[in-house]
Amino acid sequence: MPRMRLRSLTVPGLLAAILLLQGCMVSRAQIRRADAVVAATVNRDLDCHRADHCATPSPLLDAATHALAASTPQHPVNVVTLLNDSEPALAARINLIRAARHSIDVQTYIWDQDDVGKLMLNELIQAARRGVKVRILADALFSFQEPGLLDQLSRVSSNLQVRLYNPTLHKAHTPPLDFAAGILCCFLQFNQRMHNKLLLVDDSIGITGGRNYQDRYFNWDPNFDYVDRDVMVGGPAAREMAASFELF
């Protein structure tokens, strides 16, 4: 009986919370005003003024460039490497980010604020500050859960864009009450999560697979780690990765 009484009180409470949360959504006019404030305060300074944006040499990107040059529409050439171990998987990402000359697109389900998450974010910020166009698309449920961090990222460089996929109740942060309300009021929409993982550099080479940006995906968690893998592909297949990213 106590459990039945608790349930009868909880569901109406959640319904009331849903109505309250829906009534607090920001309008398009408020969003436009916020965008204007951000645009006026974003950092537009560059750390590099070279044509190649101070990219570092990379045998990985070079191999992809050669594959593209050797490809024809009838006979595409791709270079493919399996990244089983965590250390080379992380090293390959950092190497490609530092070698980027034009663009970096990153897509992920989880972006935690632990050591791996901060390391990757710092590398991407440095790339943006030297002139590379960096776009991050992360699922809103388990990524960038600190609104203050999102506020900083929106201003850190005019070359850095961060977007959240399917935010719960149009909020950047998903506290437990919002999580429960999202399930109760609109489960089908709430459950449309983005599990894609991609790091694409210069539309030439990409890494995709199972690793999110969290310590336990790269064997850095002292208590629990996942066994996972990625594949790195350079050549025309990277253009298909770019098309997928644009779709999302």
Protein backbone atom coordinates (compact mmCIF):
# COMPACT_ATOMS: atom_id res chain seq x y z
CA MET A 1 0.00 0.00 0.00
CA PRO A 2 2.74 2.59 0.73
CA ARG A 3 4.12 2.00 -2.76
CA MET A 4 0.67 2.52 -4.30
CA ARG A 5 0.23 5.81 -2.43
CA LEU A 6 3.69 6.99 -3.49
CA ARG A 7 2.90 6.23 -7.13
CA SER A 8 -0.43 8.03 -7.00
CA LEU A 9 1.30 11.14 -5.67
CA THR A 10 4.28 11.00 -7.98
CA VAL A 11 2.51 10.81 -11.35
CA PRO A 12 0.30 13.90 -10.83
CA GLY A 13 3.37 15.71 -9.52
CA LEU A 14 5.27 14.86 -12.67
CA LEU A 15 2.35 15.92 -14.85
CA ALA A 16 2.24 19.27 -13.09
CA ALA A 17 6.00 19.59 -13.54
CA ILE A 18 5.62 18.89 -17.26
CA LEU A 19 3.08 21.68 -17.67
CA LEU A 20 5.28 24.03 -15.69
CA LEU A 21 8.40 23.15 -17.69
CA GLN A 22 6.60 23.49 -21.01
CA GLY A 23 5.32 26.90 -19.97
CA CYS A 24 8.88 28.06 -19.30
CA MET A 25 10.26 27.39 -22.79
CA VAL A 26 12.07 30.28 -24.41
CA SER A 27 10.57 31.99 -27.45
CA ARG A 28 12.25 32.43 -30.82
CA ALA A 29 12.58 36.15 -30.10
CA GLN A 30 14.47 35.37 -26.88
CA ILE A 31 16.74 32.99 -28.78
CA ARG A 32 17.50 35.66 -31.39
CA ARG A 33 18.35 38.17 -28.65
CA ALA A 34 20.65 35.66 -26.97
CA ASP A 35 22.34 34.89 -30.29
CA ALA A 36 22.93 38.60 -30.84
CA VAL A 37 24.58 38.94 -27.41
CA VAL A 38 26.85 35.97 -28.11
CA ALA A 39 27.76 37.24 -31.59
CA ALA A 40 28.81 40.58 -30.10
CA THR A 41 31.11 38.96 -27.53
CA VAL A 42 32.65 36.05 -29.43
CA ASN A 43 36.44 35.96 -29.73
CA ARG A 44 37.50 36.55 -33.35
CA ASP A 45 41.26 36.68 -32.78
CA LEU A 46 43.46 34.06 -34.49
CA ASP A 47 46.63 32.46 -33.17
CA CYS A 48 47.87 31.73 -36.71
CA HIS A 49 47.80 33.70 -39.96
CA ARG A 50 49.34 31.15 -42.32
CA ALA A 51 47.38 29.73 -45.23
CA ASP A 52 47.56 26.20 -43.78
CA HIS A 53 46.42 27.48 -40.35
CA CYS A 54 49.66 26.19 -38.80
CA ALA A 55 48.71 22.55 -39.30
CA THR A 56 51.25 19.96 -38.14
CA PRO A 57 52.39 17.18 -40.51
CA SER A 58 50.39 13.95 -40.33
CA PRO A 59 51.10 10.66 -42.12
CA LEU A 60 47.45 9.75 -41.53
CA LEU A 61 46.12 12.78 -43.39
CA ASP A 62 48.81 12.37 -46.07
CA ALA A 63 47.66 8.79 -46.73
CA ALA A 64 44.07 10.00 -47.10
CA THR A 65 45.16 12.75 -49.50
CA HIS A 66 47.03 10.23 -51.65
CA ALA A 67 44.00 7.92 -51.66
CA LEU A 68 41.78 10.75 -52.86
CA ALA A 69 44.27 11.63 -55.61
CA ALA A 70 44.38 8.01 -56.78
CA SER A 71 40.59 7.60 -56.79
CA THR A 72 38.20 7.82 -59.70
CA PRO A 73 34.38 7.65 -59.59
CA GLN A 74 34.59 4.13 -61.02
CA HIS A 75 37.48 2.99 -58.81
CA PRO A 76 37.54 4.69 -55.40
CA VAL A 77 40.61 4.12 -53.25
CA ASN A 78 40.32 4.20 -49.45
CA VAL A 79 42.85 3.54 -46.72
CA VAL A 80 41.36 1.76 -43.71
CA THR A 81 42.85 1.14 -40.28
CA LEU A 82 41.23 -0.67 -37.35
CA LEU A 83 41.78 1.10 -34.01
CA ASN A 84 41.37 -1.69 -31.47
CA ASP A 85 43.50 -0.31 -28.65
CA SER A 86 42.63 2.80 -26.71
CA GLU A 87 46.02 4.54 -26.85
CA PRO A 88 46.36 4.63 -30.66
CA ALA A 89 42.68 5.53 -30.95
CA LEU A 90 43.24 8.64 -28.85
CA ALA A 91 46.60 9.44 -30.44
CA ALA A 92 45.09 9.24 -33.94
CA ARG A 93 42.37 11.71 -32.99
CA ILE A 94 44.84 14.22 -31.57
CA ASN A 95 47.17 13.81 -34.56
CA LEU A 96 44.36 14.49 -37.03
CA ILE A 97 43.01 17.48 -35.09
CA ARG A 98 46.44 19.09 -35.04
CA ALA A 99 46.90 18.34 -38.75
CA ALA A 100 43.57 19.83 -39.84
CA ARG A 101 43.89 22.67 -42.35
CA HIS A 102 40.28 23.54 -43.09
CA SER A 103 37.61 21.77 -41.05
CA ILE A 104 36.89 19.37 -38.20
CA ASP A 105 33.46 17.84 -37.62
CA VAL A 106 32.81 15.88 -34.44
CA GLN A 107 29.68 13.90 -33.64
CA THR A 108 29.13 11.88 -30.46
CA TYR A 109 26.60 10.54 -27.98
CA ILE A 110 28.52 11.21 -24.74
CA TRP A 111 30.91 14.08 -24.06
CA ASP A 112 31.90 14.02 -20.40
CA GLN A 113 33.89 16.66 -18.55
CA ASP A 114 36.53 14.20 -17.36
CA ASP A 115 40.16 14.02 -18.49
CA VAL A 116 39.49 12.66 -21.98
CA GLY A 117 36.58 15.03 -22.55
CA LYS A 118 38.62 18.05 -21.49
CA LEU A 119 41.67 16.95 -23.51
CA MET A 120 39.66 16.59 -26.71
CA LEU A 121 37.83 19.86 -26.15
CA ASN A 122 41.10 21.70 -25.54
CA GLU A 123 42.59 20.31 -28.77
CA LEU A 124 39.53 21.41 -30.74
CA ILE A 125 39.58 24.89 -29.21
CA GLN A 126 43.23 25.28 -30.19
CA ALA A 127 42.37 24.19 -33.74
CA ALA A 128 39.56 26.75 -33.91
CA ARG A 129 41.83 29.50 -32.63
CA ARG A 130 44.37 28.85 -35.38
CA GLY A 131 41.63 29.22 -38.01
CA VAL A 132 40.13 25.76 -38.57
CA LYS A 133 36.33 25.55 -38.75
CA VAL A 134 35.28 23.25 -35.92
CA ARG A 135 31.74 21.93 -35.54
CA ILE A 136 30.64 19.75 -32.62
CA LEU A 137 27.33 17.90 -32.59
CA ALA A 138 26.64 16.03 -29.35
CA ASP A 139 23.56 14.33 -28.00
CA ALA A 140 22.07 16.58 -25.34
CA LEU A 141 21.27 13.85 -22.84
CA PHE A 142 24.82 13.02 -21.73
CA SER A 143 26.99 15.82 -23.13
CA PHE A 144 28.09 19.23 -21.86
CA GLN A 145 25.82 19.14 -18.82
CA GLU A 146 27.15 22.44 -17.48
CA PRO A 147 25.37 25.48 -18.98
CA GLY A 148 28.33 27.63 -17.91
CA LEU A 149 30.64 25.56 -20.10
CA LEU A 150 28.32 25.98 -23.09
CA ASP A 151 28.31 29.71 -22.45
CA GLN A 152 32.12 29.77 -22.56
CA LEU A 153 32.28 27.61 -25.68
CA SER A 154 29.88 29.91 -27.52
CA ARG A 155 32.37 32.76 -27.12
CA VAL A 156 35.76 31.05 -27.27
CA SER A 157 36.19 31.40 -31.05
CA SER A 158 34.15 32.42 -34.06
CA ASN A 159 35.42 29.20 -35.70
CA LEU A 160 33.88 26.91 -33.07
CA GLN A 161 30.23 25.85 -33.20
CA VAL A 162 28.57 23.53 -30.67
CA ARG A 163 25.11 22.07 -31.24
CA LEU A 164 23.09 19.75 -28.99
CA TYR A 165 20.94 17.05 -30.54
CA ASN A 166 17.34 16.74 -29.30
CA PRO A 167 17.58 18.65 -26.01
CA THR A 168 15.01 17.61 -23.41
CA LEU A 169 12.27 20.23 -23.11
CA HIS A 170 14.51 22.61 -25.13
CA LYS A 171 17.05 22.84 -22.30
CA ALA A 172 20.82 22.36 -22.46
CA HIS A 173 20.88 20.60 -19.07
CA THR A 174 18.78 17.53 -18.22
CA PRO A 175 18.29 17.23 -14.44
CA PRO A 176 16.43 14.18 -13.02
CA LEU A 177 13.04 15.93 -13.01
CA ASP A 178 13.36 16.89 -16.68
CA PHE A 179 14.50 13.35 -17.49
CA ALA A 180 11.39 11.88 -15.84
CA ALA A 181 9.11 14.49 -17.39
CA GLY A 182 10.53 13.81 -20.86
CA ILE A 183 9.83 10.10 -20.53
CA LEU A 184 6.32 10.64 -19.20
CA CYS A 185 5.10 13.35 -21.56
CA CYS A 186 6.78 12.53 -24.87
CA PHE A 187 8.72 9.27 -24.75
CA LEU A 188 8.99 8.74 -28.51
CA GLN A 189 10.60 12.14 -29.04
CA PHE A 190 12.68 11.89 -25.86
CA ASN A 191 14.01 8.48 -26.89
CA GLN A 192 15.28 9.71 -30.27
CA ARG A 193 18.93 9.78 -29.26
CA MET A 194 21.95 10.19 -31.52
CA HIS A 195 24.45 7.38 -30.96
CA ASN A 196 26.63 8.27 -33.99
CA LYS A 197 30.34 8.78 -33.34
CA LEU A 198 32.46 10.57 -35.92
CA LEU A 199 35.58 12.70 -36.13
CA LEU A 200 36.09 14.02 -39.67
CA VAL A 201 39.06 16.13 -40.75
CA ASP A 202 39.15 18.19 -43.96
CA ASP A 203 36.44 15.93 -45.44
CA SER A 204 39.33 13.56 -46.21
CA ILE A 205 39.69 11.17 -43.28
CA GLY A 206 37.33 10.14 -40.51
CA ILE A 207 37.22 8.00 -37.39
CA THR A 208 33.98 6.23 -36.51
CA GLY A 209 33.07 3.41 -34.16
CA GLY A 210 31.98 2.90 -30.58
CA ARG A 211 34.08 5.30 -28.51
CA ASN A 212 32.48 8.31 -26.83
CA TYR A 213 34.49 11.12 -25.21
CA GLN A 214 34.71 9.75 -21.71
CA ASP A 215 37.61 8.26 -19.72
CA ARG A 216 36.21 4.74 -19.67
CA TYR A 217 36.20 4.53 -23.48
CA PHE A 218 39.96 5.12 -23.61
CA ASN A 219 41.11 3.01 -20.66
CA TRP A 220 41.62 6.03 -18.41
CA ASP A 221 39.03 5.19 -15.77
CA PRO A 222 40.71 3.63 -12.69
CA ASN A 223 37.61 1.60 -11.79
CA PHE A 224 35.78 0.55 -14.94
CA ASP A 225 36.61 0.65 -18.67
CA TYR A 226 34.85 -0.47 -21.84
CA VAL A 227 36.44 -2.66 -24.50
CA ASP A 228 35.66 -0.88 -27.75
CA ARG A 229 37.03 -0.17 -31.21
CA ASP A 230 37.01 2.38 -34.04
CA VAL A 231 37.81 2.33 -37.72
CA MET A 232 39.76 5.11 -39.44
CA VAL A 233 38.95 5.63 -43.13
CA GLY A 234 40.68 8.01 -45.53
CA GLY A 235 39.59 8.64 -49.10
CA PRO A 236 36.26 9.07 -50.92
CA ALA A 237 34.39 7.30 -48.12
CA ALA A 238 35.11 10.33 -45.96
CA ARG A 239 32.86 12.38 -48.26
CA GLU A 240 29.99 10.05 -47.34
CA MET A 241 30.80 10.65 -43.67
CA ALA A 242 30.57 14.39 -44.35
CA ALA A 243 27.16 13.93 -45.98
CA SER A 244 25.94 12.00 -42.93
CA PHE A 245 27.15 14.72 -40.59
CA GLU A 246 25.40 17.39 -42.63
CA LEU A 247 22.17 15.39 -42.51
CA PHE A 248 22.21 15.41 -38.71
